[in-house]
Protein backbone atom coordinates (compact mmCIF):
# COMPACT_ATOMS: atom_id res chain seq x y z
CA MET A 1 -143.00 153.82 30.89
CA GLU A 2 -146.10 152.03 32.15
CA ALA A 3 -148.25 153.73 34.72
CA ALA A 4 -148.17 152.08 38.11
CA ILE A 5 -151.43 150.49 39.08
CA ALA A 6 -152.42 151.35 42.61
CA VAL A 7 -153.25 148.28 44.64
CA LYS A 8 -155.96 148.93 47.15
CA PRO A 9 -155.17 147.24 50.45
CA VAL A 10 -157.61 144.58 51.58
CA ILE A 11 -159.51 145.35 54.77
CA LYS A 12 -159.45 142.20 56.88
CA VAL A 13 -162.47 141.65 59.11
CA ALA A 14 -162.55 138.94 61.76
CA ALA A 15 -166.13 137.75 62.34
CA LEU A 16 -167.04 136.12 65.65
CA CYS A 17 -170.33 134.46 66.50
CA GLY A 18 -171.46 134.34 70.11
CA SER A 19 -173.63 131.29 69.50
CA LEU A 20 -172.07 127.86 69.23
CA ARG A 21 -175.14 126.38 67.51
CA LYS A 22 -174.49 125.32 63.92
CA ALA A 23 -177.96 126.58 62.89
CA SER A 24 -177.59 129.88 64.75
CA PHE A 25 -179.33 132.87 63.16
CA ASN A 26 -176.33 134.99 64.17
CA ARG A 27 -173.96 132.61 62.42
CA GLY A 28 -176.29 132.99 59.43
CA LEU A 29 -175.78 136.75 59.59
CA ILE A 30 -172.03 136.19 59.40
CA ARG A 31 -172.37 133.76 56.48
CA SER A 32 -174.49 136.37 54.69
CA ALA A 33 -171.93 139.10 55.39
CA ILE A 34 -169.14 136.89 54.02
CA LYS A 35 -171.16 136.10 50.89
CA ILE A 36 -172.11 139.74 50.27
CA SER A 37 -168.54 140.93 50.79
CA LYS A 38 -167.23 138.40 48.25
CA GLU A 39 -169.88 139.31 45.68
CA ALA A 40 -170.25 143.05 46.08
CA ILE A 41 -167.52 144.66 48.17
CA ASN A 42 -164.09 144.99 46.62
CA GLY A 43 -161.24 145.31 49.06
CA MET A 44 -162.89 143.60 52.03
CA GLU A 45 -162.25 140.10 53.28
CA ILE A 46 -164.37 138.70 56.11
CA GLU A 47 -163.07 135.60 57.87
CA TYR A 48 -165.15 133.61 60.34
CA VAL A 49 -163.10 132.98 63.49
CA ASP A 50 -164.43 130.06 65.54
CA ILE A 51 -164.50 130.68 69.29
CA ALA A 52 -165.70 127.17 70.24
CA PRO A 53 -162.16 125.74 70.75
CA LEU A 54 -161.25 128.35 73.37
CA PRO A 55 -160.96 127.03 76.93
CA MET A 56 -162.73 128.98 79.64
CA LEU A 57 -160.53 131.83 80.83
CA ASN A 58 -158.21 130.60 83.53
CA THR A 59 -155.04 132.55 84.20
CA ASP A 60 -153.43 129.36 85.51
CA LEU A 61 -153.22 128.37 81.82
CA GLU A 62 -150.90 131.33 81.14
CA VAL A 63 -147.32 130.10 81.37
CA ASP A 64 -144.34 132.43 80.96
CA GLY A 65 -146.39 134.95 78.98
CA THR A 66 -147.85 132.36 76.61
CA TYR A 67 -151.35 131.01 76.28
CA PRO A 68 -152.79 127.62 75.28
CA PRO A 69 -152.41 126.91 71.52
CA ALA A 70 -156.10 127.54 70.71
CA VAL A 71 -155.91 130.89 72.51
CA GLU A 72 -152.65 131.88 70.77
CA ALA A 73 -154.18 131.07 67.36
CA PHE A 74 -157.32 133.06 68.19
CA ARG A 75 -155.33 136.07 69.43
CA ARG A 76 -153.22 135.99 66.24
CA LYS A 77 -156.40 136.11 64.08
CA ILE A 78 -157.65 139.15 66.03
CA LEU A 79 -154.26 140.87 65.84
CA GLU A 80 -154.08 140.33 62.06
CA ALA A 81 -157.59 141.75 61.50
CA ASP A 82 -158.18 145.40 60.68
CA SER A 83 -161.64 145.32 62.23
CA ILE A 84 -164.07 143.00 64.01
CA LEU A 85 -167.64 141.91 63.34
CA PHE A 86 -169.41 140.43 66.36
CA ALA A 87 -172.72 138.59 65.94
CA SER A 88 -174.36 137.40 69.12
CA PRO A 89 -177.75 136.46 70.46
CA GLU A 90 -178.90 138.01 73.71
CA TYR A 91 -178.71 135.79 76.78
CA ASN A 92 -180.06 137.32 79.99
CA TYR A 93 -179.64 140.88 78.67
CA SER A 94 -176.01 140.31 77.78
CA VAL A 95 -173.68 138.68 75.28
CA THR A 96 -173.22 134.94 75.46
CA ALA A 97 -170.68 133.27 77.72
CA PRO A 98 -168.61 131.95 74.77
CA LEU A 99 -168.33 135.43 73.26
CA LYS A 100 -167.46 137.05 76.60
CA ASN A 101 -164.84 134.34 77.11
CA ALA A 102 -163.30 135.14 73.71
CA ILE A 103 -163.33 138.85 74.50
CA ASP A 104 -161.62 138.16 77.82
CA TRP A 105 -158.88 135.94 76.33
CA ALA A 106 -157.98 138.51 73.68
CA SER A 107 -157.88 141.32 76.23
CA ARG A 108 -155.17 139.60 78.29
CA PRO A 109 -151.80 141.36 77.99
CA PRO A 110 -151.06 142.51 75.43
CA ASN A 111 -154.63 143.47 74.58
CA VAL A 112 -155.06 142.53 70.89
CA TRP A 113 -158.43 144.33 70.66
CA ALA A 114 -156.88 147.75 71.29
CA ASP A 115 -158.02 150.41 68.83
CA LYS A 116 -159.81 147.95 66.53
CA PRO A 117 -163.00 149.29 64.98
CA ALA A 118 -165.90 146.91 65.49
CA ALA A 119 -169.56 146.36 64.79
CA ILE A 120 -171.93 144.15 66.71
CA ILE A 121 -175.03 142.67 65.15
CA SER A 122 -177.68 140.53 66.74
CA THR A 123 -180.79 138.63 65.87
CA GLY A 124 -182.95 136.28 67.84
CA GLY A 125 -186.42 135.08 68.60
CA GLY A 126 -187.04 137.25 71.65
CA PHE A 127 -189.22 140.32 71.93
CA GLY A 128 -186.50 142.67 73.16
CA GLY A 129 -184.87 143.34 69.82
CA ASP A 130 -181.59 141.98 71.19
CA ASP A 131 -180.37 145.51 71.83
CA ARG A 132 -179.50 144.95 75.51
CA ASN A 133 -176.63 142.62 74.64
CA ILE A 134 -175.28 145.31 72.32
CA ILE A 135 -175.40 147.82 75.18
CA SER A 136 -173.70 145.29 77.46
CA ALA A 137 -170.98 144.57 74.89
CA ARG A 138 -170.30 148.25 74.32
CA SER A 139 -169.62 148.80 78.01
CA VAL A 140 -166.92 146.12 77.77
CA PHE A 141 -165.63 147.53 74.46
CA ILE A 142 -164.96 150.89 76.15
CA LEU A 143 -162.84 149.22 78.82
CA ILE A 144 -160.70 147.26 76.35
CA SER A 145 -160.39 150.04 73.73
CA ILE A 146 -162.59 148.62 70.95
CA SER A 147 -164.16 151.40 68.89
CA SER A 148 -167.73 150.38 68.06
CA ILE A 149 -169.68 151.95 65.23
CA THR A 150 -172.77 154.06 65.69
CA ARG A 151 -175.85 152.02 66.42
CA VAL A 152 -177.97 150.84 63.53
CA LEU A 153 -181.09 148.94 64.52
CA LEU A 154 -183.48 147.09 62.26
CA GLU A 155 -186.38 145.89 64.34
CA ARG A 156 -188.88 143.16 63.67
CA ILE A 157 -187.79 142.20 60.19
CA PRO A 158 -190.37 139.75 58.85
CA THR A 159 -189.15 136.30 57.98
CA SER A 160 -190.57 133.60 55.80
CA SER A 161 -189.88 129.98 55.08
CA LYS A 162 -188.08 131.16 51.93
CA VAL A 163 -185.33 132.85 53.95
CA ARG A 164 -182.33 130.54 54.29
CA TRP A 165 -179.51 131.25 56.69
């Protein structure tokens, strides 16, 4: 009799970028995470989930417990994920409006964020280290039951023209 080969389940990570810019450094972080996971991390699949198509939160758009098609598709991606990776620049000491909008849509009943482990990463050109938006996001995460990982901060990483995002 042949020995059964154990199949390790794939951990599905939904990656959201708070910047809508195509050349966003934070989107570059996500692209790098996807590339690294494909090359070096067995059992993990990171999928970029675009938040640009989401309409601004407006509960008038909720009809009989359903949401607009773009919102339904987004919520399904979050529900299917085992964990979440947020990447967002800091705007006025907080996360960006598009990311907050996405967070708000997915927290509408039923809250599809509930009990999902998450990490938030940030990079930008400012002098603040972009840590205030992480603090701001975590206060929202507590309210909607997202479990964020312990803080890891790499400050002032030098860049060069050879770095490509």
